[in-house]
Amino acid sequence: MGAKAKQIGQCTVDFEKNGKQIGFFNLPLSVHDDAWGVVRVPLAQIKNGEGPTVILEGGNHGDEYEGPIALGEMIRDLDPGLVSGRLIFIPAINLPAVVAARRTSPIDDLNMNRTFPGDPRGTTTQQISAFVNDVLFPIGDAFLDLHSGGSSLDIIPSSVIEPVDDPVQHAKNIAAVTAFDAPMIVVIDNRGDPRTATASAARAGLTVVGTEMAGGGTVSLDAVRICRRGVSNVLAHLGALPASLASPQENEPLLYEIPGDGHVIAGDDGVFEPFHRNGETVRAGQPAGRIHFLADPGRAPVELHYAVDGIVYARRQPGRVRPGNCCLVVASPYRSSLS
């Protein structure tokens, strides 16, 4: 194999410097109206004393807001003297998508969370993910990746376990995810896709915490509160913040997983009517909803059914669907335990 491509871009934050820094990772972007422009990805660091290096990411998808809000507040408000170690914040990592309020980048139409480990010589999105994978992960001990359902899904606020094979790393992930103290803990493998940020962080040996904080293209008051508490809780658990900054536990850890057949998928073009709200218990074979054909009123709706037992974990937010759209997601009790 040939030598690894050199990282493109310029970082204005010195990762070895103590104190608080707020800067950018600048990626070259040459477009029609700006020959020598850059994409200015926000980057911040708070470093003080000895302790772990924790990477905190928001805005991997540009229409998911609770994480970026919580991280921006922490960048502005956190006293560096309270930190033990190094906190690296990338609160709007997929900046083009964040500015456009889109899941995918308007520059190359890529979903950043399906581009890892990235490519330093690829498109803008691939270069951003390569920076995270090649520059940040090697200096990190833990990674928090804050997501929500975005514009297309409304999800029960939850912390997410990234599946790993190593039992020691698995135990660390479970402990950190449990410390987040969300109403639910869900094991999600993204249909086995290895190209996500959390999967890449896990391969790099980091302790990994994911989240899904509501969604629907809005800012959830409850989810923002959960996210604020959860980030501080995890940092205290990791020893990067004092234990006194952790909040008292509010939730019993309820452990679920998304089984392979837990997604209810549209097979027709129309408008989906769900039959259940998030959190309701459902059974395999039970009607899940139906697709209506508004332009053809003589055609009867098509009914969709659940394939597994569990609870409704996520529901599609836009009513309009086409074949292949995910309409509902069922979470089932995890087959193992938290140990």
Protein backbone atom coordinates (compact mmCIF):
# COMPACT_ATOMS: atom_id res chain seq x y z
CA MET A 1 0.00 0.00 0.00
CA GLY A 2 1.16 3.53 -0.69
CA ALA A 3 1.92 6.18 1.92
CA LYS A 4 -1.02 7.84 3.62
CA ALA A 5 -2.08 11.11 2.03
CA LYS A 6 -1.09 14.26 3.92
CA GLN A 7 -3.93 16.02 5.70
CA ILE A 8 -5.24 19.05 3.82
CA GLY A 9 -6.26 22.15 5.75
CA GLN A 10 -5.01 24.42 8.50
CA CYS A 11 -5.90 24.21 12.20
CA THR A 12 -5.68 27.40 14.25
CA VAL A 13 -5.86 25.60 17.62
CA ASP A 14 -2.66 24.41 19.29
CA PHE A 15 -3.56 21.07 20.89
CA GLU A 16 -0.58 21.25 23.28
CA LYS A 17 -1.40 24.69 24.68
CA ASN A 18 -3.09 25.11 28.06
CA GLY A 19 -6.18 27.26 28.60
CA LYS A 20 -9.19 27.94 26.40
CA GLN A 21 -8.82 28.39 22.64
CA ILE A 22 -11.56 28.97 20.09
CA GLY A 23 -10.55 28.71 16.46
CA PHE A 24 -11.10 26.85 13.22
CA PHE A 25 -10.03 24.01 11.03
CA ASN A 26 -9.86 25.68 7.63
CA LEU A 27 -10.35 23.51 4.55
CA PRO A 28 -9.63 24.89 1.07
CA LEU A 29 -12.72 25.34 -1.09
CA SER A 30 -12.42 26.62 -4.64
CA VAL A 31 -15.83 27.32 -6.15
CA HIS A 32 -17.24 29.53 -8.89
CA ASP A 33 -17.52 32.69 -6.82
CA ASP A 34 -14.51 32.15 -4.52
CA ALA A 35 -11.33 30.79 -6.08
CA TRP A 36 -9.24 30.58 -2.89
CA GLY A 37 -11.84 30.36 -0.16
CA VAL A 38 -12.05 28.04 2.84
CA VAL A 39 -14.64 26.13 4.86
CA ARG A 40 -14.14 27.37 8.46
CA VAL A 41 -15.05 24.45 10.72
CA PRO A 42 -15.39 25.69 14.35
CA LEU A 43 -12.95 24.09 16.77
CA ALA A 44 -12.29 24.77 20.45
CA GLN A 45 -10.12 23.33 23.18
CA ILE A 46 -9.98 23.62 26.96
CA LYS A 47 -6.79 22.13 28.42
CA ASN A 48 -5.62 22.09 32.01
CA GLY A 49 -3.44 19.74 34.01
CA GLU A 50 -3.38 15.97 33.72
CA GLY A 51 -6.30 13.88 32.61
CA PRO A 52 -8.04 12.31 29.62
CA THR A 53 -8.48 13.85 26.19
CA VAL A 54 -12.18 13.88 25.35
CA ILE A 55 -13.45 14.77 21.88
CA LEU A 56 -16.98 16.19 21.81
CA GLU A 57 -18.73 16.28 18.44
CA GLY A 58 -21.99 17.89 17.36
CA GLY A 59 -23.38 18.81 13.97
CA ASN A 60 -22.28 15.62 12.20
CA HIS A 61 -25.72 16.04 10.64
CA GLY A 62 -26.63 19.67 10.10
CA ASP A 63 -30.31 19.40 11.12
CA GLU A 64 -29.62 18.03 14.62
CA TYR A 65 -29.46 20.86 17.15
CA GLU A 66 -29.41 19.81 20.80
CA GLY A 67 -25.77 18.67 20.77
CA PRO A 68 -24.34 21.79 19.12
CA ILE A 69 -26.31 24.00 21.53
CA ALA A 70 -25.00 22.15 24.60
CA LEU A 71 -21.41 22.15 23.35
CA GLY A 72 -21.50 25.85 22.44
CA GLU A 73 -22.66 26.67 25.96
CA MET A 74 -19.85 24.62 27.47
CA ILE A 75 -17.24 26.27 25.24
CA ARG A 76 -18.37 29.71 26.39
CA ASP A 77 -19.08 29.03 30.04
CA LEU A 78 -16.72 26.35 31.33
CA ASP A 79 -13.92 27.58 33.58
CA PRO A 80 -10.64 25.99 32.35
CA GLY A 81 -9.59 25.60 35.98
CA LEU A 82 -12.29 22.94 36.43
CA VAL A 83 -10.88 20.76 33.65
CA SER A 84 -8.47 17.89 34.25
CA GLY A 85 -6.96 16.98 30.90
CA ARG A 86 -8.10 18.20 27.51
CA LEU A 87 -11.54 18.78 25.99
CA ILE A 88 -11.62 19.16 22.19
CA PHE A 89 -14.92 20.54 20.90
CA ILE A 90 -16.11 20.20 17.30
CA PRO A 91 -19.67 21.52 17.81
CA ALA A 92 -20.59 22.06 14.14
CA ILE A 93 -18.21 19.62 12.51
CA ASN A 94 -20.13 19.29 9.25
CA LEU A 95 -20.33 23.07 8.89
CA PRO A 96 -21.75 23.22 5.34
CA ALA A 97 -24.63 20.96 6.41
CA VAL A 98 -25.14 22.91 9.66
CA VAL A 99 -25.42 26.21 7.79
CA ALA A 100 -27.85 24.64 5.32
CA ALA A 101 -29.82 22.83 8.09
CA ARG A 102 -29.47 19.60 6.12
CA ARG A 103 -28.52 16.05 7.00
CA THR A 104 -26.16 15.99 4.04
CA SER A 105 -23.66 18.59 2.85
CA PRO A 106 -24.85 20.99 0.13
CA ILE A 107 -21.31 20.91 -1.31
CA ASP A 108 -21.04 17.22 -2.18
CA ASP A 109 -24.42 15.83 -0.97
CA LEU A 110 -22.63 13.33 1.30
CA ASN A 111 -23.79 12.14 4.71
CA MET A 112 -20.69 12.71 6.84
CA ASN A 113 -21.66 9.85 9.14
CA ARG A 114 -21.24 7.43 6.24
CA THR A 115 -17.81 8.69 5.10
CA PHE A 116 -15.43 7.56 7.85
CA PRO A 117 -12.47 7.10 7.96
CA GLY A 118 -12.60 9.81 5.30
CA ASP A 119 -10.16 10.78 2.59
CA PRO A 120 -7.70 13.71 2.85
CA ARG A 121 -7.83 14.01 -0.94
CA GLY A 122 -11.58 13.50 -1.26
CA THR A 123 -14.53 15.86 -1.28
CA THR A 124 -15.07 18.44 1.45
CA THR A 125 -17.09 16.05 3.64
CA GLN A 126 -14.52 13.29 3.23
CA GLN A 127 -11.74 15.71 4.17
CA ILE A 128 -13.59 16.77 7.34
CA SER A 129 -14.12 13.17 8.45
CA ALA A 130 -10.46 12.40 7.66
CA PHE A 131 -9.42 15.27 9.96
CA VAL A 132 -11.50 13.83 12.79
CA ASN A 133 -10.28 10.29 12.13
CA ASP A 134 -6.61 10.96 11.38
CA VAL A 135 -5.83 14.00 13.56
CA LEU A 136 -8.23 13.96 16.52
CA PHE A 137 -8.89 10.27 17.22
CA PRO A 138 -5.18 9.40 17.63
CA ILE A 139 -4.84 11.93 20.47
CA GLY A 140 -8.18 11.10 22.12
CA ASP A 141 -9.20 8.82 24.96
CA ALA A 142 -12.97 9.21 24.65
CA PHE A 143 -15.46 10.44 22.05
CA LEU A 144 -18.96 11.88 22.52
CA ASP A 145 -20.99 12.05 19.31
CA LEU A 146 -24.23 13.98 19.90
CA HIS A 147 -27.05 13.24 17.46
CA SER A 148 -30.81 13.60 17.25
CA GLY A 149 -33.39 12.38 14.76
CA GLY A 150 -32.85 15.35 12.46
CA SER A 151 -35.56 16.48 10.08
CA SER A 152 -36.87 13.02 9.22
CA LEU A 153 -37.23 11.26 12.60
CA ASP A 154 -38.60 11.97 16.07
CA ILE A 155 -36.68 9.73 18.51
CA ILE A 156 -37.02 9.04 22.22
CA PRO A 157 -34.05 10.86 23.84
CA SER A 158 -31.44 8.20 24.54
CA SER A 159 -27.77 7.48 24.94
CA VAL A 160 -26.30 5.01 22.47
CA ILE A 161 -23.87 2.12 22.85
CA GLU A 162 -21.57 1.45 19.89
CA PRO A 163 -21.11 -2.35 19.71
CA VAL A 164 -17.49 -3.53 20.03
CA ASP A 165 -15.91 -6.97 20.33
CA ASP A 166 -13.32 -6.17 23.00
CA PRO A 167 -14.87 -6.84 26.44
CA VAL A 168 -12.76 -4.22 28.23
CA GLN A 169 -13.70 -1.49 25.75
CA HIS A 170 -17.32 -2.70 25.82
CA ALA A 171 -17.43 -2.29 29.60
CA LYS A 172 -15.97 1.22 29.37
CA ASN A 173 -18.53 2.18 26.74
CA ILE A 174 -21.43 0.86 28.83
CA ALA A 175 -20.22 2.69 31.94
CA ALA A 176 -19.85 6.00 30.09
CA VAL A 177 -23.18 5.67 28.27
CA THR A 178 -24.92 4.80 31.55
CA ALA A 179 -23.34 7.84 33.22
CA PHE A 180 -25.00 10.06 30.58
CA ASP A 181 -28.30 9.22 32.33
CA ALA A 182 -30.73 9.42 29.42
CA PRO A 183 -34.24 7.95 29.70
CA MET A 184 -33.14 5.03 27.50
CA ILE A 185 -29.93 3.27 26.55
CA VAL A 186 -29.97 1.75 23.07
CA VAL A 187 -27.44 -0.46 21.29
CA ILE A 188 -27.33 0.75 17.68
CA ASP A 189 -25.05 -0.67 15.00
CA ASN A 190 -26.45 1.41 12.09
CA ARG A 191 -27.30 -1.76 10.16
CA GLY A 192 -23.70 -2.89 10.56
CA ASP A 193 -22.30 0.11 8.67
CA PRO A 194 -18.62 0.66 9.67
CA ARG A 195 -18.42 4.17 8.17
CA THR A 196 -19.88 6.08 11.15
CA ALA A 197 -17.93 8.38 13.46
CA THR A 198 -18.61 6.21 16.51
CA ALA A 199 -17.58 3.02 14.72
CA SER A 200 -14.32 4.66 13.64
CA ALA A 201 -13.67 6.00 17.14
CA ALA A 202 -14.27 2.53 18.55
CA ARG A 203 -11.79 1.03 16.07
CA ALA A 204 -9.27 3.61 17.27
CA GLY A 205 -9.72 2.30 20.81
CA LEU A 206 -11.59 5.27 22.28
CA THR A 207 -14.37 5.05 24.85
CA VAL A 208 -17.46 5.97 22.83
CA VAL A 209 -20.77 7.58 23.78
CA GLY A 210 -23.48 8.32 21.23
CA THR A 211 -26.85 9.99 21.62
CA GLU A 212 -30.17 10.42 19.87
CA MET A 213 -31.90 13.56 21.20
CA ALA A 214 -35.46 13.86 19.87
CA GLY A 215 -35.48 15.47 16.39
CA GLY A 216 -38.19 16.46 13.96
CA GLY A 217 -36.06 19.38 12.76
CA THR A 218 -36.74 21.30 15.97
CA VAL A 219 -35.03 21.98 19.32
CA SER A 220 -36.59 19.88 22.07
CA LEU A 221 -36.62 21.58 25.49
CA ASP A 222 -36.48 18.23 27.27
CA ALA A 223 -33.72 16.87 25.04
CA VAL A 224 -31.54 19.97 25.43
CA ARG A 225 -31.77 19.60 29.20
CA ILE A 226 -30.93 15.90 28.98
CA CYS A 227 -28.00 16.67 26.69
CA ARG A 228 -26.58 19.40 28.93
CA ARG A 229 -26.75 17.13 31.97
CA GLY A 230 -25.49 14.13 30.07
CA VAL A 231 -22.34 15.76 28.70
CA SER A 232 -21.33 17.01 32.16
CA ASN A 233 -22.14 13.63 33.67
CA VAL A 234 -19.93 11.77 31.20
CA LEU A 235 -17.04 14.22 31.60
CA ALA A 236 -17.26 13.83 35.38
CA HIS A 237 -17.39 10.05 34.97
CA LEU A 238 -14.24 10.14 32.82
CA GLY A 239 -12.42 12.34 35.34
CA ALA A 240 -12.23 15.36 33.02
CA LEU A 241 -14.53 17.40 35.30
CA PRO A 242 -15.04 17.28 39.08
CA ALA A 243 -17.52 14.72 40.34
CA SER A 244 -19.47 17.60 41.90
CA LEU A 245 -20.52 18.75 38.41
CA ALA A 246 -22.37 15.50 37.75
CA SER A 247 -26.14 15.59 38.33
CA PRO A 248 -27.94 13.09 40.57
CA GLN A 249 -29.18 10.09 38.60
CA GLU A 250 -32.73 10.55 37.30
CA ASN A 251 -33.27 7.41 35.24
CA GLU A 252 -33.07 3.67 35.76
CA PRO A 253 -30.95 2.28 32.93
CA LEU A 254 -33.39 0.65 30.48
CA LEU A 255 -31.36 -1.21 27.87
CA TYR A 256 -32.71 -1.75 24.38
CA GLU A 257 -31.37 -2.55 20.93
CA ILE A 258 -32.51 -1.98 17.36
CA PRO A 259 -32.91 -5.46 15.87
CA GLY A 260 -32.19 -6.04 12.20
CA ASP A 261 -35.89 -6.17 11.37
CA GLY A 262 -36.85 -3.34 13.71
CA HIS A 263 -37.32 -0.83 10.86
CA VAL A 264 -40.73 -0.42 9.24
CA ILE A 265 -40.01 0.50 5.63
CA ALA A 266 -42.36 2.08 3.08
CA GLY A 267 -42.96 0.13 -0.09
CA ASP A 268 -45.17 2.71 -1.79
CA ASP A 269 -45.24 6.41 -2.66
CA GLY A 270 -47.80 8.25 -0.54
CA VAL A 271 -48.53 9.67 2.92
CA PHE A 272 -47.85 7.57 6.01
CA GLU A 273 -50.32 7.49 8.92
CA PRO A 274 -48.75 5.93 12.06
CA PHE A 275 -50.93 4.01 14.47
CA HIS A 276 -48.78 4.46 17.61
CA ARG A 277 -46.86 7.13 19.46
CA ASN A 278 -43.24 6.90 20.55
CA GLY A 279 -42.86 4.73 23.65
CA GLU A 280 -45.93 2.56 23.01
CA THR A 281 -45.53 -1.22 23.25
CA VAL A 282 -46.09 -3.07 19.97
CA ARG A 283 -46.03 -6.68 18.78
CA ALA A 284 -44.73 -8.47 15.71
CA GLY A 285 -47.47 -8.76 13.09
CA GLN A 286 -49.43 -5.84 14.55
CA PRO A 287 -50.48 -3.10 12.10
CA ALA A 288 -47.99 -0.22 12.36
CA GLY A 289 -49.68 2.31 10.10
CA ARG A 290 -50.83 2.77 6.55
CA ILE A 291 -49.85 4.63 3.41
CA HIS A 292 -52.53 6.77 1.81
CA PHE A 293 -52.64 7.70 -1.90
CA LEU A 294 -54.03 11.21 -1.89
CA ALA A 295 -53.91 11.65 -5.66
CA ASP A 296 -55.83 8.41 -6.18
CA PRO A 297 -58.78 8.48 -3.73
CA GLY A 298 -60.23 5.30 -5.17
CA ARG A 299 -57.18 3.30 -4.09
CA ALA A 300 -57.33 1.75 -0.63
CA PRO A 301 -54.45 2.50 1.76
CA VAL A 302 -51.65 -0.05 2.14
CA GLU A 303 -51.11 -1.28 5.68
CA LEU A 304 -47.61 -1.80 7.14
CA HIS A 305 -46.84 -4.17 10.02
CA TYR A 306 -44.24 -4.55 12.75
CA ALA A 307 -41.81 -7.44 12.41
CA VAL A 308 -40.64 -7.53 16.07
CA ASP A 309 -41.90 -6.99 19.60
CA GLY A 310 -40.77 -3.88 21.48
CA ILE A 311 -41.56 -0.20 21.80
CA VAL A 312 -41.83 2.49 19.15
CA TYR A 313 -38.43 4.19 19.39
CA ALA A 314 -38.57 6.54 16.40
CA ARG A 315 -41.22 7.82 14.03
CA ARG A 316 -40.83 9.47 10.67
CA GLN A 317 -41.62 13.17 10.93
CA PRO A 318 -42.63 14.13 7.35
CA GLY A 319 -45.86 12.41 6.38
CA ARG A 320 -44.77 12.09 2.75
CA VAL A 321 -42.98 8.81 2.03
CA ARG A 322 -41.55 7.00 -0.96
CA PRO A 323 -40.37 3.39 -1.34
CA GLY A 324 -37.44 2.69 0.96
CA ASN A 325 -38.21 5.41 3.53
CA CYS A 326 -37.98 4.41 7.19
CA CYS A 327 -41.41 5.09 8.72
CA LEU A 328 -40.93 3.66 12.22
CA VAL A 329 -38.22 2.07 14.33
CA VAL A 330 -38.87 -0.50 17.04
CA ALA A 331 -36.47 -0.98 19.95
CA SER A 332 -36.51 -4.38 21.65
CA PRO A 333 -35.14 -5.29 25.09
CA TYR A 334 -31.43 -6.03 24.79
CA ARG A 335 -30.69 -9.74 24.77
CA SER A 336 -27.72 -9.33 27.10
CA SER A 337 -27.18 -7.27 30.27
CA LEU A 338 -25.36 -4.09 31.21
CA SER A 339 -22.39 -6.10 32.49
